[in-house]
C-alpha cells in the first residue's frame, strides 16, 4: 500500500489523471481507518483468511449486493463497474470486486455522465462497507515495523506533494515523531518492531535505510532541518555498525547483534528496494546536502561495484533502484533552494510537479546548510536552481524555476 500510494501520487503529478488521485485517496482512507494506531504508527498486515476461508471478508455474492443496495439500478451499475456475476467471478459463487472497464465506458452504458457514476458508486460503497463491518474480521498483525512505517511515511509525503492535503503531511509528521520517540535511541540506534508499548529487537539495514529516506522526504516538504539532521545521525550510525570496508557494501545486520555463521548483504532490488541500493542513494543525497564527500564517494564505489552486474544481467528489474541512482550519477540532480518569507508557499507550489531530478532545500532564513549561504535577500523570496553547487541567476516565480530545469 505504501509504495502504491507513492506510485499513484507521482503518476498523478505527471498525468493529472483523476482516477489516480482517487486510488490514493481511497487507499489512504483505508490506511487511516484500518491500519493506523492512535500513536501514529502503521500496523503490519491483515490475515488473508477469516472464518477459515481465504478472502472471506472481502468477497460478495451478487444476491448480497442486490439486497444491501436495495436499488436495482444502483446494483446493476455497481455490478457492471466491478465485474460482479450472478454465478461469481471467483470461487463458490463469490465475487471479487475487480475493474475491467473504464469509468467512461460504464457511464455510457448506463446513460450517465462520470459525475453521476461516481456519486452512485460512492453511495453503494458506503452501504456495502457498513454491511461488511458486521462480518467477522481477519486477524490484524498490530506490530509496527520501522522499515514498513518509514515506507508508509514516504507514501504520505508523496501524496502530500501531489495533492497538498494538510492531513497527509500531518500523518507523515506523526509517523516521523513515532519513529523518533519509540524506535530511535539518542545515539542513532534503531529498534525494529513495536508492539504493546515495547520495542525489543535491534533494527536491520532496511529499517535504517528506509527511515533515512523518509526523514529526507520530510525535510523536503517542511524545510525543518531537524529531519535532515536525524537522517545524518542515522546514516552515521549505519556507517559505523553495518559498513563492510572490505567489500564497500553494508551488512544486513549490525555488528552489535549476535554473530552469525555469515552476515549477508542485500543487493538485488525486489518487492522493496535492496537495503544496499537504498543506502547508496541515501549517502549520495546526504552527501549533497551536507557537502560530505566521503559519503558521495562511498555511494560512487557502491554504484561502480554493481555497474557490471547491472549492465550484463538479463533481469534488470532486480536492479531498478540501483538504476535510478545511476541516472543521478549520469545526469546529476538539481539543487533547488527556496529562501525567503514566502518559501513555504512556493515550496508547496513546486511540490505539485513531478521532479525526481531535484533536491529541495530552503526556508524563511538561510538555515545551516552551506548551499543556502548568502542566498537570502531582504523583502524577497527567491528560487535558486543549482547543479553541482553552481547556481543560475535566482528567480521569483515557480514557473520560471521549472523552465530552468526543462533541459532535462
Protein backbone atom coordinates (compact mmCIF):
# COMPACT_ATOMS: atom_id res chain seq x y z
CA UNK A 1 0.00 0.00 0.00
CA UNK A 2 2.79 2.43 0.86
CA UNK A 3 4.62 2.01 -2.42
CA UNK A 4 1.39 2.09 -4.42
CA UNK A 5 0.47 5.40 -2.81
CA UNK A 6 3.83 6.81 -3.92
CA UNK A 7 3.42 5.40 -7.42
CA UNK A 8 -0.09 6.73 -7.99
CA UNK A 9 0.78 10.10 -6.46
CA UNK A 10 3.72 10.51 -8.82
CA UNK A 11 1.66 9.25 -11.77
CA UNK A 12 -0.93 11.90 -10.96
CA UNK A 13 1.76 14.61 -10.91
CA UNK A 14 2.71 13.59 -14.44
CA UNK A 15 -0.74 12.94 -15.95
CA UNK A 16 -3.29 14.73 -13.70
CA UNK A 17 -5.48 11.65 -14.15
CA UNK A 18 -8.31 11.94 -11.57
CA UNK A 19 -8.50 8.16 -11.38
CA UNK A 20 -5.01 8.05 -9.90
CA UNK A 21 -5.99 10.66 -7.32
CA UNK A 22 -8.99 8.55 -6.32
CA UNK A 23 -6.78 5.49 -5.83
CA UNK A 24 -4.54 7.47 -3.46
CA UNK A 25 -7.45 8.95 -1.52
CA UNK A 26 -9.23 5.62 -1.07
CA UNK A 27 -6.03 3.80 -0.14
CA UNK A 28 -5.12 6.39 2.50
CA UNK A 29 -8.70 6.34 3.82
CA UNK A 30 -8.21 2.60 4.33
CA UNK A 31 -4.80 3.08 5.98
CA UNK A 32 -6.24 5.70 8.33
CA UNK A 33 -9.33 3.63 9.15
CA UNK A 34 -7.83 0.17 9.46
CA UNK A 35 -4.06 0.26 9.84
CA UNK A 36 -3.07 3.32 11.91
CA UNK A 37 -2.59 3.25 15.67
CA UNK A 38 -3.54 6.15 17.95
CA UNK A 39 0.21 6.88 18.26
CA UNK A 40 0.53 7.36 14.50
CA UNK A 41 2.20 4.01 13.85
CA UNK A 42 1.16 1.78 10.97
CA UNK A 43 0.18 -1.82 11.65
CA UNK A 44 1.81 -4.55 9.59
CA UNK A 45 -0.95 -6.55 7.93
CA UNK A 46 -4.28 -8.34 7.94
CA UNK A 47 -4.57 -12.09 7.51
CA UNK A 48 -5.93 -13.23 4.17
CA UNK A 49 -8.25 -15.69 5.93
CA UNK A 50 -11.31 -15.20 8.10
CA UNK A 51 -13.86 -17.79 9.20
CA UNK A 52 -11.41 -20.38 7.88
CA UNK A 53 -11.68 -19.20 4.26
CA UNK A 54 -9.29 -17.15 2.17
CA UNK A 55 -10.67 -13.73 1.27
CA UNK A 56 -13.99 -14.35 3.02
CA UNK A 57 -14.11 -10.84 4.49
CA UNK A 58 -13.76 -9.18 1.09
CA UNK A 59 -15.84 -11.21 -1.38
CA UNK A 60 -19.53 -10.91 -2.23
CA UNK A 61 -22.38 -12.87 -3.78
CA UNK A 62 -24.46 -10.89 -6.21
CA UNK A 63 -27.61 -11.56 -4.20
CA UNK A 64 -25.96 -9.92 -1.17
CA UNK A 65 -25.15 -6.78 -3.14
CA UNK A 66 -28.68 -6.59 -4.58
CA UNK A 67 -30.16 -6.95 -1.12
CA UNK A 68 -27.90 -4.46 0.64
CA UNK A 69 -28.18 -1.76 -2.02
CA UNK A 70 -31.95 -2.23 -2.35
CA UNK A 71 -32.00 -0.38 -5.66
CA UNK A 72 -31.95 -2.36 -8.89
CA UNK A 73 -30.42 0.46 -10.94
CA UNK A 74 -27.68 1.19 -8.40
CA UNK A 75 -26.90 -2.51 -8.08
CA UNK A 76 -26.76 -3.03 -11.84
CA UNK A 77 -24.38 -0.10 -12.17
CA UNK A 78 -22.17 -1.30 -9.30
CA UNK A 79 -22.03 -4.86 -10.60
CA UNK A 80 -21.18 -3.72 -14.11
CA UNK A 81 -18.40 -1.47 -12.81
CA UNK A 82 -16.81 -4.17 -10.62
CA UNK A 83 -17.44 -7.22 -12.81
CA UNK A 84 -19.92 -8.90 -10.44
CA UNK A 85 -21.50 -12.06 -11.91
CA UNK A 86 -24.62 -13.97 -10.72
CA UNK A 87 -22.54 -17.16 -10.60
CA UNK A 88 -19.49 -15.37 -9.24
CA UNK A 89 -16.18 -14.42 -10.79
CA UNK A 90 -14.17 -16.37 -8.22
CA UNK A 91 -14.85 -19.45 -6.08
CA UNK A 92 -18.12 -20.86 -4.72
CA UNK A 93 -20.31 -18.32 -6.47
CA UNK A 94 -18.49 -15.39 -4.86
CA UNK A 95 -17.15 -12.25 -6.47
CA UNK A 96 -14.01 -10.22 -6.08
CA UNK A 97 -14.56 -6.53 -6.81
CA UNK A 98 -12.40 -6.13 -9.89
CA UNK A 99 -12.47 -3.46 -12.58
CA UNK A 100 -12.05 -4.31 -16.24
CA UNK A 101 -13.99 -1.40 -17.77
CA UNK A 102 -13.23 2.31 -17.71
CA UNK A 103 -15.48 4.72 -15.85
CA UNK A 104 -16.38 6.42 -19.14
CA UNK A 105 -17.41 3.10 -20.67
CA UNK A 106 -19.65 2.11 -17.74
CA UNK A 107 -21.18 5.58 -17.52
CA UNK A 108 -22.07 5.48 -21.23
CA UNK A 109 -23.60 2.00 -20.87
CA UNK A 110 -25.97 3.34 -18.22
CA UNK A 111 -26.77 6.72 -19.75
CA UNK A 112 -24.85 8.69 -17.12
CA UNK A 113 -22.00 11.16 -17.03
CA UNK A 114 -18.94 10.28 -14.95
CA UNK A 115 -20.03 12.51 -12.10
CA UNK A 116 -23.34 10.66 -11.84
CA UNK A 117 -21.50 7.35 -11.99
CA UNK A 118 -19.11 8.35 -9.21
CA UNK A 119 -21.93 9.61 -6.98
CA UNK A 120 -23.84 6.34 -7.35
CA UNK A 121 -20.74 4.25 -6.71
CA UNK A 122 -19.83 6.28 -3.62
CA UNK A 123 -23.29 5.67 -2.09
CA UNK A 124 -23.15 1.98 -2.90
CA UNK A 125 -19.65 1.60 -1.48
CA UNK A 126 -20.69 3.29 1.77
CA UNK A 127 -23.63 0.87 2.17
CA UNK A 128 -21.51 -2.19 1.44
CA UNK A 129 -18.71 -1.01 3.73
CA UNK A 130 -21.21 -0.62 6.57
CA UNK A 131 -22.59 -4.11 5.89
CA UNK A 132 -19.10 -5.61 5.70
CA UNK A 133 -18.21 -4.13 9.08
CA UNK A 134 -20.59 -6.67 10.64
CA UNK A 135 -18.63 -9.63 9.31
CA UNK A 136 -16.02 -11.46 11.42
CA UNK A 137 -12.81 -9.57 10.75
CA UNK A 138 -9.48 -11.08 9.66
CA UNK A 139 -6.81 -11.14 12.34
CA UNK A 140 -4.73 -7.97 12.49
CA UNK A 141 -0.96 -8.12 12.91
CA UNK A 142 -0.70 -4.97 15.00
CA UNK A 143 3.06 -4.78 15.38
CA UNK A 144 4.73 -1.78 13.78
CA UNK A 145 7.95 -2.36 11.82
CA UNK A 146 10.32 0.57 11.40
CA UNK A 147 11.03 -0.19 7.73
CA UNK A 148 7.38 -0.51 6.74
CA UNK A 149 6.40 2.54 8.79
CA UNK A 150 9.08 4.55 7.01
CA UNK A 151 7.75 3.36 3.65
CA UNK A 152 4.22 4.45 4.58
CA UNK A 153 5.54 7.77 5.86
CA UNK A 154 7.16 8.35 2.48
CA UNK A 155 3.90 7.38 0.79
CA UNK A 156 2.08 10.06 2.76
CA UNK A 157 4.78 12.59 1.83
CA UNK A 158 4.40 11.76 -1.86
CA UNK A 159 0.62 12.13 -1.55
CA UNK A 160 1.09 15.50 0.12
CA UNK A 161 3.43 16.61 -2.65
CA UNK A 162 0.89 15.67 -5.31
CA UNK A 163 -2.31 16.91 -3.67
CA UNK A 164 -1.28 19.40 -0.99
CA UNK A 165 -3.68 17.96 1.61
CA UNK A 166 -2.66 19.07 5.08
CA UNK A 167 -3.91 15.83 6.65
CA UNK A 168 -1.40 13.83 4.61
CA UNK A 169 1.50 15.92 5.88
CA UNK A 170 0.17 15.68 9.45
CA UNK A 171 0.04 11.87 9.20
CA UNK A 172 3.60 11.80 7.85
CA UNK A 173 4.86 14.04 10.65
CA UNK A 174 3.06 11.99 13.30
CA UNK A 175 4.67 8.85 11.89
CA UNK A 176 8.07 10.55 11.89
CA UNK A 177 7.74 11.53 15.53
CA UNK A 178 6.61 8.00 16.38
CA UNK A 179 9.84 6.64 14.89
CA UNK A 180 11.90 9.25 16.76
CA UNK A 181 10.20 8.67 20.10
CA UNK A 182 9.58 4.92 20.10
CA UNK A 183 12.10 3.38 17.71
CA UNK A 184 15.20 5.59 17.75
CA UNK A 185 17.79 5.92 20.52
CA UNK A 186 19.80 9.11 21.22
CA UNK A 187 22.95 7.68 19.60
CA UNK A 188 21.11 6.83 16.36
CA UNK A 189 20.45 3.16 17.07
CA UNK A 190 17.08 1.98 15.80
CA UNK A 191 14.78 -0.74 17.03
CA UNK A 192 12.92 -2.84 14.50
CA UNK A 193 9.48 -3.56 15.93
CA UNK A 194 6.96 -2.02 18.32
CA UNK A 195 4.03 -3.81 19.92
CA UNK A 196 2.08 -3.31 23.14
CA UNK A 197 4.23 -0.34 24.09
CA UNK A 198 7.54 -2.20 23.71
CA UNK A 199 10.40 -2.18 21.21
CA UNK A 200 12.80 -5.07 21.68
CA UNK A 201 14.72 -6.07 18.52
CA UNK A 202 17.74 -4.30 17.05
CA UNK A 203 16.90 -2.89 13.65
CA UNK A 204 18.25 -4.25 10.37
CA UNK A 205 19.73 -2.33 7.47
CA UNK A 206 16.40 -1.86 5.68
CA UNK A 207 15.00 -0.17 8.79
CA UNK A 208 17.85 2.35 8.78
CA UNK A 209 17.84 2.87 5.02
CA UNK A 210 14.11 3.47 4.73
CA UNK A 211 13.99 5.67 7.85
CA UNK A 212 16.82 7.84 6.48
CA UNK A 213 14.99 8.21 3.18
CA UNK A 214 11.73 9.05 4.97
CA UNK A 215 13.39 11.77 7.06
CA UNK A 216 14.95 13.31 3.95
CA UNK A 217 11.50 13.31 2.37
CA UNK A 218 10.08 15.07 5.43
CA UNK A 219 12.78 17.72 5.21
CA UNK A 220 11.97 18.44 1.59
CA UNK A 221 8.29 19.16 2.35
CA UNK A 222 8.85 21.09 5.62
CA UNK A 223 12.36 22.62 5.43
CA UNK A 224 12.71 21.62 9.09
CA UNK A 225 16.42 20.81 9.38
CA UNK A 226 15.76 18.58 12.37
CA UNK A 227 14.67 15.84 9.97
CA UNK A 228 17.79 16.18 7.87
CA UNK A 229 19.98 16.12 10.99
CA UNK A 230 18.24 12.96 12.23
CA UNK A 231 18.83 11.37 8.83
CA UNK A 232 22.50 12.29 9.11
CA UNK A 233 22.69 10.76 12.59
CA UNK A 234 21.13 7.53 11.36
CA UNK A 235 23.49 7.38 8.40
CA UNK A 236 26.50 7.92 10.66
CA UNK A 237 25.37 5.12 12.97
CA UNK A 238 24.74 2.83 9.99
CA UNK A 239 28.20 3.52 8.62
CA UNK A 240 29.75 2.70 11.99
CA UNK A 241 27.88 -0.55 12.62
CA UNK A 242 26.89 -2.02 9.24
CA UNK A 243 29.54 -0.96 6.71
CA UNK A 244 31.99 -3.55 5.38
CA UNK A 245 35.11 -1.73 4.22
CA UNK A 246 36.38 -4.88 2.52
CA UNK A 247 33.50 -5.08 0.04
CA UNK A 248 32.36 -1.46 0.07
CA UNK A 249 28.80 -2.59 0.88
CA UNK A 250 26.66 -2.79 4.02
CA UNK A 251 25.81 -5.89 6.02
CA UNK A 252 22.13 -6.53 6.71
CA UNK A 253 22.77 -6.92 10.45
CA UNK A 254 24.60 -4.72 12.94
CA UNK A 255 27.94 -5.62 14.46
CA UNK A 256 26.16 -5.34 17.83
CA UNK A 257 23.93 -8.32 17.06
CA UNK A 258 24.89 -11.90 17.99
CA UNK A 259 27.42 -13.27 15.48
CA UNK A 260 26.02 -15.33 12.62
CA UNK A 261 27.70 -18.02 10.52
CA UNK A 262 27.67 -15.45 7.73
CA UNK A 263 26.45 -11.84 7.71
CA UNK A 264 24.52 -11.40 4.49
CA UNK A 265 24.23 -8.33 2.29
CA UNK A 266 21.09 -7.37 0.37
CA UNK A 267 21.99 -6.32 -3.16
CA UNK A 268 19.11 -7.19 -5.52
CA UNK A 269 16.04 -4.97 -5.57
CA UNK A 270 12.87 -6.95 -5.09
CA UNK A 271 9.36 -6.07 -3.92
CA UNK A 272 11.09 -3.49 -1.72
CA UNK A 273 14.38 -1.97 -2.96
CA UNK A 274 17.51 -3.66 -1.61
CA UNK A 275 18.84 -2.09 1.57
CA UNK A 276 22.22 -1.54 -0.10
CA UNK A 277 20.73 0.32 -3.08
CA UNK A 278 18.74 2.44 -0.62
CA UNK A 279 21.87 3.21 1.41
CA UNK A 280 23.83 4.10 -1.74
CA UNK A 281 21.05 6.57 -2.64
CA UNK A 282 20.92 7.92 0.90
CA UNK A 283 24.67 8.52 1.04
CA UNK A 284 24.53 10.31 -2.30
CA UNK A 285 21.67 12.60 -1.19
CA UNK A 286 23.03 13.34 2.27
CA UNK A 287 26.47 13.89 0.80
CA UNK A 288 24.95 16.55 -1.45
CA UNK A 289 23.04 18.22 1.38
CA UNK A 290 25.93 18.26 3.85
CA UNK A 291 28.86 18.59 1.44
CA UNK A 292 30.13 15.29 2.83
CA UNK A 293 32.36 13.99 0.06
CA UNK A 294 33.24 10.76 1.87
CA UNK A 295 29.61 9.65 1.63
CA UNK A 296 29.38 10.66 -2.03
CA UNK A 297 32.49 8.59 -2.74
CA UNK A 298 31.09 5.60 -0.83
CA UNK A 299 27.95 5.86 -2.93
CA UNK A 300 30.04 6.07 -6.10
CA UNK A 301 32.00 2.99 -5.05
CA UNK A 302 28.83 1.01 -4.42
CA UNK A 303 27.45 2.03 -7.80
CA UNK A 304 30.67 1.12 -9.60
CA UNK A 305 30.69 -2.24 -7.85
CA UNK A 306 27.19 -3.07 -9.16
CA UNK A 307 27.51 -1.49 -12.61
CA UNK A 308 28.97 -4.58 -14.38
CA UNK A 309 26.27 -6.83 -12.94
CA UNK A 310 23.52 -4.42 -13.94
CA UNK A 311 24.82 -4.00 -17.48
CA UNK A 312 25.17 -7.74 -18.04
CA UNK A 313 22.03 -9.09 -16.35
CA UNK A 314 19.03 -10.45 -18.25
CA UNK A 315 16.80 -9.33 -15.37
CA UNK A 316 17.35 -5.57 -14.88
CA UNK A 317 14.14 -5.33 -12.82
CA UNK A 318 16.15 -6.70 -9.91
CA UNK A 319 18.36 -3.60 -10.02
CA UNK A 320 15.74 -0.92 -10.66
CA UNK A 321 16.61 1.21 -7.65
CA UNK A 322 20.31 0.97 -8.49
CA UNK A 323 19.44 2.20 -11.98
CA UNK A 324 17.72 5.26 -10.54
CA UNK A 325 20.88 6.09 -8.64
CA UNK A 326 22.89 5.50 -11.82
CA UNK A 327 20.78 8.20 -13.50
CA UNK A 328 21.79 10.63 -10.75
CA UNK A 329 25.43 9.92 -11.49
CA UNK A 330 24.99 10.29 -15.24
CA UNK A 331 22.76 13.37 -15.01
CA UNK A 332 23.24 15.00 -11.60
CA UNK A 333 20.06 16.33 -9.96
CA UNK A 334 19.28 19.98 -9.50
CA UNK A 335 19.55 21.55 -6.06
CA UNK A 336 16.53 23.86 -5.78
CA UNK A 337 16.89 26.36 -2.94
CA UNK A 338 13.85 28.43 -1.92
CA UNK A 339 14.67 31.21 0.54
CA UNK A 340 12.51 33.99 1.98
CA UNK A 341 9.27 34.74 3.82
CA UNK A 342 7.09 33.01 1.21
CA UNK A 343 9.28 29.91 0.98
CA UNK A 344 6.52 27.59 2.24
CA UNK A 345 4.02 28.80 -0.36
CA UNK A 346 6.47 28.49 -3.24
CA UNK A 347 7.63 25.11 -1.97
CA UNK A 348 4.04 23.83 -1.91
CA UNK A 349 3.54 25.03 -5.48
CA UNK A 350 6.71 23.42 -6.78
CA UNK A 351 5.97 20.15 -4.94
CA UNK A 352 2.92 19.58 -7.14
CA UNK A 353 5.23 18.89 -10.07
CA UNK A 354 6.98 15.59 -10.65
CA UNK A 355 10.64 16.46 -10.14
CA UNK A 356 12.59 13.25 -9.47
CA UNK A 357 15.76 15.08 -10.52
CA UNK A 358 15.55 17.86 -7.91
CA UNK A 359 16.66 18.14 -4.27
CA UNK A 360 14.66 20.79 -2.43
CA UNK A 361 16.08 22.88 0.40
CA UNK A 362 15.47 26.28 1.93
CA UNK A 363 13.34 28.12 4.45
CA UNK A 364 12.42 31.56 5.72
CA UNK A 365 16.09 32.08 6.56
CA UNK A 366 19.31 30.58 5.27
CA UNK A 367 19.48 27.82 7.88
CA UNK A 368 22.70 25.92 8.39
CA UNK A 369 23.22 24.22 5.02
CA UNK A 370 26.21 25.51 3.05
CA UNK A 371 24.27 25.73 -0.19
CA UNK A 372 21.88 28.26 1.37
CA UNK A 373 24.58 30.69 2.48
CA UNK A 374 24.25 34.23 1.10
CA UNK A 375 21.00 33.33 -0.68
CA UNK A 376 18.63 35.49 1.41
CA UNK A 377 17.64 38.91 0.15
CA UNK A 378 15.57 41.11 2.42
CA UNK A 379 11.98 41.53 1.30
CA UNK A 380 12.19 38.87 -1.42
CA UNK A 381 11.57 35.14 -1.75
CA UNK A 382 13.90 33.71 -4.36
CA UNK A 383 14.32 30.33 -6.01
CA UNK A 384 17.84 29.23 -6.93
CA UNK A 385 18.23 26.38 -9.41
CA UNK A 386 21.70 24.92 -8.94
CA UNK A 387 23.62 21.92 -10.21
CA UNK A 388 26.89 20.68 -8.80
CA UNK A 389 26.71 23.58 -6.31
CA UNK A 390 26.76 26.08 -9.22
CA UNK A 391 23.61 28.22 -9.28
CA UNK A 392 21.84 30.01 -12.07
CA UNK A 393 20.51 33.51 -11.51
CA UNK A 394 17.68 33.42 -8.95
CA UNK A 395 14.04 33.76 -9.99
CA UNK A 396 10.96 34.70 -8.01
CA UNK A 397 8.30 32.57 -9.72
CA UNK A 398 7.90 28.81 -9.66
CA UNK A 399 7.16 28.70 -13.38
CA UNK A 400 10.47 30.37 -14.11
CA UNK A 401 12.31 27.87 -11.91
CA UNK A 402 10.64 24.97 -13.71
CA UNK A 403 11.77 26.36 -17.05
CA UNK A 404 15.34 26.37 -15.81
CA UNK A 405 15.01 22.60 -15.34
CA UNK A 406 13.30 21.86 -18.65
CA UNK A 407 16.50 20.92 -20.42
CA UNK A 408 16.26 17.56 -18.64
